[in-house]
N, C-alpha and C. Protein backbone atom coordinates (compact mmCIF):
# COMPACT_ATOMS: atom_id res chain seq x y z
N MET A 1 89.26 6.29 -7.91
CA MET A 1 89.70 7.57 -8.46
C MET A 1 88.74 7.98 -9.57
N ALA A 2 88.40 9.24 -9.64
CA ALA A 2 87.45 9.74 -10.64
C ALA A 2 88.05 10.81 -11.51
N PHE A 3 87.66 10.81 -12.76
CA PHE A 3 88.16 11.78 -13.76
C PHE A 3 86.93 12.47 -14.35
N GLY A 4 86.77 13.74 -14.02
CA GLY A 4 85.61 14.44 -14.51
C GLY A 4 84.30 13.87 -14.11
N GLY A 5 84.26 13.26 -12.90
CA GLY A 5 83.02 12.68 -12.38
C GLY A 5 82.83 11.24 -12.83
N ARG A 6 83.76 10.69 -13.60
CA ARG A 6 83.64 9.31 -14.05
C ARG A 6 84.75 8.45 -13.44
N SER A 7 84.45 7.23 -13.16
CA SER A 7 85.43 6.33 -12.56
C SER A 7 86.39 5.81 -13.65
N LEU A 8 87.56 5.39 -13.19
CA LEU A 8 88.54 4.83 -14.12
C LEU A 8 87.99 3.63 -14.89
N GLU A 9 87.21 2.81 -14.17
CA GLU A 9 86.63 1.63 -14.84
C GLU A 9 85.66 2.03 -15.95
N SER A 10 84.90 3.07 -15.77
CA SER A 10 83.97 3.46 -16.82
C SER A 10 84.72 4.00 -18.03
N ILE A 11 85.81 4.68 -17.80
CA ILE A 11 86.65 5.21 -18.87
C ILE A 11 87.31 4.04 -19.64
N LYS A 12 87.79 3.06 -18.94
CA LYS A 12 88.39 1.88 -19.57
C LYS A 12 87.36 1.16 -20.46
N HIS A 13 86.13 1.04 -19.90
CA HIS A 13 85.05 0.35 -20.65
C HIS A 13 84.67 1.13 -21.90
N GLU A 14 84.72 2.47 -21.83
CA GLU A 14 84.41 3.29 -22.99
C GLU A 14 85.40 2.97 -24.18
N ASP A 15 86.64 2.71 -23.88
CA ASP A 15 87.63 2.44 -24.90
C ASP A 15 87.23 1.19 -25.66
N ARG A 16 86.55 0.23 -24.99
CA ARG A 16 86.21 -1.02 -25.59
C ARG A 16 84.85 -1.03 -26.28
N VAL A 17 83.99 -0.11 -25.96
CA VAL A 17 82.63 -0.11 -26.54
C VAL A 17 82.70 0.15 -28.04
N LYS A 18 82.11 -0.73 -28.80
CA LYS A 18 82.11 -0.64 -30.25
C LYS A 18 80.70 -0.88 -30.75
N VAL A 19 80.49 -0.47 -31.94
CA VAL A 19 79.22 -0.78 -32.62
C VAL A 19 79.59 -1.65 -33.84
N CYS A 20 78.85 -2.70 -34.07
CA CYS A 20 79.10 -3.58 -35.21
C CYS A 20 78.86 -2.81 -36.48
N PRO A 21 79.80 -2.77 -37.37
CA PRO A 21 79.62 -2.03 -38.62
C PRO A 21 78.67 -2.76 -39.57
N ASP A 22 78.43 -4.01 -39.34
CA ASP A 22 77.56 -4.81 -40.21
C ASP A 22 76.07 -4.70 -39.83
N CYS A 23 75.78 -4.88 -38.50
CA CYS A 23 74.35 -4.86 -38.12
C CYS A 23 73.98 -3.70 -37.19
N GLY A 24 74.99 -2.96 -36.70
CA GLY A 24 74.72 -1.83 -35.81
C GLY A 24 74.50 -2.18 -34.36
N SER A 25 74.66 -3.44 -34.01
CA SER A 25 74.45 -3.86 -32.64
C SER A 25 75.59 -3.36 -31.73
N ARG A 26 75.26 -3.14 -30.47
CA ARG A 26 76.27 -2.80 -29.47
C ARG A 26 76.56 -4.03 -28.56
N GLU A 27 76.04 -5.17 -28.94
CA GLU A 27 76.25 -6.41 -28.19
C GLU A 27 77.59 -7.03 -28.68
N ILE A 28 78.68 -6.53 -28.11
CA ILE A 28 80.02 -6.98 -28.53
C ILE A 28 80.59 -7.82 -27.44
N ASP A 29 81.16 -9.00 -27.79
CA ASP A 29 81.80 -9.91 -26.86
C ASP A 29 83.30 -9.72 -26.89
N TYR A 30 83.87 -9.44 -25.71
CA TYR A 30 85.29 -9.23 -25.60
C TYR A 30 86.01 -10.37 -24.87
N ASP A 31 85.25 -11.34 -24.39
CA ASP A 31 85.80 -12.30 -23.42
C ASP A 31 86.42 -13.58 -24.04
N LYS A 32 86.33 -13.79 -25.30
CA LYS A 32 86.76 -15.07 -25.90
C LYS A 32 88.09 -14.97 -26.61
N GLY A 33 88.87 -13.90 -26.41
CA GLY A 33 90.15 -13.71 -27.10
C GLY A 33 90.02 -12.95 -28.40
N GLU A 34 88.84 -13.03 -29.03
CA GLU A 34 88.53 -12.21 -30.19
C GLU A 34 87.37 -11.30 -29.82
N THR A 35 87.27 -10.21 -30.50
CA THR A 35 86.17 -9.31 -30.32
C THR A 35 85.18 -9.51 -31.44
N PHE A 36 83.94 -9.93 -31.07
CA PHE A 36 82.97 -10.22 -32.11
C PHE A 36 81.58 -9.78 -31.69
N CYS A 37 80.75 -9.57 -32.71
CA CYS A 37 79.32 -9.18 -32.49
C CYS A 37 78.53 -10.41 -32.05
N LYS A 38 77.83 -10.26 -30.93
CA LYS A 38 77.00 -11.37 -30.46
C LYS A 38 75.75 -11.57 -31.33
N LYS A 39 75.33 -10.52 -32.05
CA LYS A 39 74.13 -10.64 -32.85
C LYS A 39 74.34 -11.29 -34.20
N CYS A 40 75.38 -10.82 -34.94
CA CYS A 40 75.56 -11.40 -36.27
C CYS A 40 76.81 -12.24 -36.41
N GLY A 41 77.72 -12.19 -35.40
CA GLY A 41 78.92 -13.02 -35.42
C GLY A 41 80.11 -12.42 -36.13
N LEU A 42 80.03 -11.21 -36.65
CA LEU A 42 81.11 -10.54 -37.32
C LEU A 42 82.29 -10.34 -36.35
N VAL A 43 83.48 -10.76 -36.73
CA VAL A 43 84.69 -10.59 -35.95
C VAL A 43 85.19 -9.15 -36.14
N LEU A 44 85.36 -8.43 -35.05
CA LEU A 44 85.83 -7.06 -35.06
C LEU A 44 87.24 -7.07 -34.48
N ASP A 45 88.12 -6.26 -35.00
CA ASP A 45 89.48 -6.10 -34.42
C ASP A 45 90.50 -6.13 -35.44
């Protein structure tokens, strides 16, 4: 199913995309139970 030309999966992923407020990285890990920056290790959430 698409919404405005985008798939539901891409919209769900957009909700999770964050930028680290400490280092500005977009390398965020969501898979370990906590959300944290892969670059500097800051825990987000």
